[in-house]
Amino acid sequence: MVMTTHLLETPGADLAYDVHGPLPTADGRPPLVMIGQPMDAGGFGTLASHFPDRTVVTYDPRGLGRST
């Protein structure tokens, strides 16, 4: 599964997120967003790999991991 990393820069915070798989999906289903607190996106790598047919988005909440 291909993963790309992105950074959303705003005046109050920079949020890092990863997109796993194709975007848009081949079948038109919306992305699956995995959210967990207080962990960053790194904790979802294995779980995201179980959905190879979906687009999975994971992110680092503000102040954790790569997000400031």
N, C-alpha and C. Protein backbone atom coordinates (compact mmCIF):
# COMPACT_ATOMS: atom_id res chain seq x y z
N MET A 1 0.85 -1.17 0.00
CA MET A 1 0.00 0.00 0.00
C MET A 1 0.89 1.24 0.00
N VAL A 2 0.61 2.15 -0.90
CA VAL A 2 1.37 3.39 -1.01
C VAL A 2 0.88 4.39 0.02
N MET A 3 1.82 5.07 0.68
CA MET A 3 1.46 6.08 1.66
C MET A 3 2.15 7.39 1.28
N THR A 4 1.39 8.49 1.35
CA THR A 4 1.97 9.81 1.14
C THR A 4 1.73 10.65 2.38
N THR A 5 2.70 11.48 2.72
CA THR A 5 2.62 12.33 3.91
C THR A 5 2.38 13.77 3.47
N HIS A 6 1.52 14.46 4.21
CA HIS A 6 1.16 15.84 3.90
C HIS A 6 1.22 16.67 5.17
N LEU A 7 1.30 17.99 4.99
CA LEU A 7 1.30 18.92 6.11
C LEU A 7 0.30 20.03 5.81
N LEU A 8 -0.70 20.16 6.65
CA LEU A 8 -1.69 21.24 6.54
C LEU A 8 -1.22 22.38 7.43
N GLU A 9 -0.80 23.48 6.80
CA GLU A 9 -0.26 24.61 7.55
C GLU A 9 -1.35 25.66 7.76
N THR A 10 -1.61 26.00 9.01
CA THR A 10 -2.58 27.03 9.37
C THR A 10 -1.89 28.02 10.30
N PRO A 11 -2.48 29.21 10.52
CA PRO A 11 -1.84 30.18 11.41
C PRO A 11 -1.64 29.66 12.84
N GLY A 12 -2.52 28.79 13.34
CA GLY A 12 -2.42 28.34 14.72
C GLY A 12 -1.75 27.01 14.94
N ALA A 13 -1.61 26.22 13.87
CA ALA A 13 -1.04 24.88 14.04
C ALA A 13 -0.68 24.32 12.68
N ASP A 14 0.29 23.41 12.67
CA ASP A 14 0.62 22.64 11.47
C ASP A 14 0.26 21.20 11.77
N LEU A 15 -0.61 20.61 10.94
CA LEU A 15 -1.09 19.25 11.17
C LEU A 15 -0.54 18.30 10.10
N ALA A 16 0.13 17.25 10.55
CA ALA A 16 0.68 16.25 9.65
C ALA A 16 -0.32 15.11 9.50
N TYR A 17 -0.50 14.66 8.26
CA TYR A 17 -1.39 13.52 8.03
C TYR A 17 -0.85 12.66 6.90
N ASP A 18 -1.24 11.40 6.91
CA ASP A 18 -0.81 10.42 5.92
C ASP A 18 -2.02 9.87 5.19
N VAL A 19 -1.88 9.70 3.89
CA VAL A 19 -2.92 9.09 3.07
C VAL A 19 -2.39 7.74 2.60
N HIS A 20 -3.07 6.68 2.99
CA HIS A 20 -2.69 5.31 2.62
C HIS A 20 -3.63 4.86 1.50
N GLY A 21 -3.06 4.37 0.42
CA GLY A 21 -3.88 3.85 -0.67
C GLY A 21 -4.28 4.91 -1.67
N PRO A 22 -5.16 4.51 -2.60
CA PRO A 22 -5.53 5.39 -3.70
C PRO A 22 -6.48 6.51 -3.27
N LEU A 23 -6.34 7.64 -3.93
CA LEU A 23 -7.27 8.75 -3.69
C LEU A 23 -7.55 9.40 -5.04
N PRO A 24 -8.75 9.38 -5.55
CA PRO A 24 -9.94 8.80 -4.92
C PRO A 24 -9.94 7.28 -5.07
N THR A 25 -10.78 6.63 -4.32
CA THR A 25 -10.87 5.18 -4.39
C THR A 25 -11.48 4.75 -5.72
N ALA A 26 -11.15 3.56 -6.14
CA ALA A 26 -11.66 3.04 -7.41
C ALA A 26 -13.17 2.86 -7.39
N ASP A 27 -13.72 2.53 -6.21
CA ASP A 27 -15.16 2.25 -6.13
C ASP A 27 -15.97 3.44 -5.63
N GLY A 28 -15.33 4.58 -5.40
CA GLY A 28 -16.05 5.78 -5.00
C GLY A 28 -16.39 5.90 -3.53
N ARG A 29 -15.98 4.93 -2.71
CA ARG A 29 -16.26 5.03 -1.27
C ARG A 29 -15.44 6.15 -0.66
N PRO A 30 -15.98 6.82 0.36
CA PRO A 30 -15.23 7.90 1.00
C PRO A 30 -14.03 7.35 1.78
N PRO A 31 -13.03 8.19 2.03
CA PRO A 31 -11.87 7.75 2.81
C PRO A 31 -12.28 7.33 4.22
N LEU A 32 -11.53 6.41 4.77
CA LEU A 32 -11.70 5.96 6.15
C LEU A 32 -10.68 6.74 6.98
N VAL A 33 -11.15 7.56 7.93
CA VAL A 33 -10.26 8.37 8.76
C VAL A 33 -10.11 7.68 10.12
N MET A 34 -8.87 7.39 10.48
CA MET A 34 -8.58 6.75 11.76
C MET A 34 -8.07 7.79 12.73
N ILE A 35 -8.80 7.95 13.83
CA ILE A 35 -8.47 8.96 14.83
C ILE A 35 -8.23 8.28 16.17
N GLY A 36 -7.18 8.66 16.84
CA GLY A 36 -6.90 8.14 18.17
C GLY A 36 -6.26 9.20 19.01
N GLN A 37 -6.61 9.24 20.25
CA GLN A 37 -6.04 10.24 21.15
C GLN A 37 -5.61 9.51 22.40
N PRO A 38 -4.45 9.62 22.88
CA PRO A 38 -3.40 10.59 22.60
C PRO A 38 -2.26 10.03 21.77
N MET A 39 -2.54 9.25 20.75
CA MET A 39 -1.45 8.72 19.93
C MET A 39 -1.38 9.40 18.58
N ASP A 40 -0.21 9.28 17.94
CA ASP A 40 -0.06 9.89 16.62
C ASP A 40 -0.34 8.85 15.53
N ALA A 41 -0.17 9.24 14.29
CA ALA A 41 -0.50 8.39 13.14
C ALA A 41 0.31 7.10 13.11
N GLY A 42 1.50 7.10 13.70
CA GLY A 42 2.36 5.93 13.69
C GLY A 42 1.71 4.70 14.29
N GLY A 43 0.79 4.89 15.21
CA GLY A 43 0.11 3.77 15.84
C GLY A 43 -0.92 3.08 14.96
N PHE A 44 -1.23 3.66 13.81
CA PHE A 44 -2.26 3.11 12.93
C PHE A 44 -1.72 2.39 11.70
N GLY A 45 -0.42 2.35 11.53
CA GLY A 45 0.18 1.75 10.34
C GLY A 45 -0.27 0.34 10.06
N THR A 46 -0.22 -0.51 11.06
CA THR A 46 -0.61 -1.91 10.88
C THR A 46 -2.11 -2.02 10.62
N LEU A 47 -2.91 -1.28 11.37
CA LEU A 47 -4.36 -1.33 11.17
C LEU A 47 -4.74 -0.85 9.77
N ALA A 48 -4.13 0.23 9.31
CA ALA A 48 -4.43 0.76 7.97
C ALA A 48 -4.10 -0.26 6.89
N SER A 49 -3.08 -1.07 7.10
CA SER A 49 -2.69 -2.07 6.09
C SER A 49 -3.75 -3.16 5.90
N HIS A 50 -4.68 -3.28 6.82
CA HIS A 50 -5.75 -4.27 6.70
C HIS A 50 -6.89 -3.81 5.79
N PHE A 51 -6.78 -2.61 5.23
CA PHE A 51 -7.80 -2.05 4.34
C PHE A 51 -7.18 -1.65 3.00
N PRO A 52 -6.60 -2.61 2.26
CA PRO A 52 -5.90 -2.27 1.02
C PRO A 52 -6.82 -1.74 -0.07
N ASP A 53 -8.12 -2.00 0.03
CA ASP A 53 -9.07 -1.55 -0.98
C ASP A 53 -9.68 -0.19 -0.66
N ARG A 54 -9.27 0.41 0.45
CA ARG A 54 -9.82 1.71 0.89
C ARG A 54 -8.73 2.75 0.95
N THR A 55 -9.14 4.00 0.88
CA THR A 55 -8.23 5.10 1.18
C THR A 55 -8.34 5.33 2.68
N VAL A 56 -7.21 5.28 3.38
CA VAL A 56 -7.19 5.46 4.83
C VAL A 56 -6.37 6.71 5.14
N VAL A 57 -6.92 7.59 5.96
CA VAL A 57 -6.22 8.80 6.37
C VAL A 57 -5.95 8.70 7.87
N THR A 58 -4.69 8.89 8.24
CA THR A 58 -4.30 8.93 9.65
C THR A 58 -3.62 10.28 9.88
N TYR A 59 -3.65 10.77 11.11
CA TYR A 59 -3.02 12.07 11.35
C TYR A 59 -2.45 12.15 12.76
N ASP A 60 -1.57 13.11 12.93
CA ASP A 60 -1.00 13.41 14.24
C ASP A 60 -1.81 14.57 14.82
N PRO A 61 -2.53 14.35 15.92
CA PRO A 61 -3.28 15.45 16.54
C PRO A 61 -2.34 16.60 16.93
N ARG A 62 -2.91 17.75 17.06
CA ARG A 62 -2.15 18.94 17.41
C ARG A 62 -1.30 18.70 18.66
N GLY A 63 -0.01 19.01 18.55
CA GLY A 63 0.91 18.86 19.68
C GLY A 63 1.50 17.48 19.84
N LEU A 64 1.12 16.54 18.96
CA LEU A 64 1.67 15.17 19.04
C LEU A 64 2.40 14.82 17.74
N GLY A 65 3.44 14.01 17.88
CA GLY A 65 4.17 13.55 16.70
C GLY A 65 4.70 14.70 15.87
N ARG A 66 4.33 14.73 14.61
CA ARG A 66 4.82 15.71 13.65
C ARG A 66 4.00 16.99 13.64
N SER A 67 2.89 17.04 14.36
CA SER A 67 2.03 18.23 14.37
C SER A 67 2.42 19.16 15.51
N THR A 68 2.34 20.47 15.21
CA THR A 68 2.70 21.45 16.23
C THR A 68 1.47 22.23 16.67
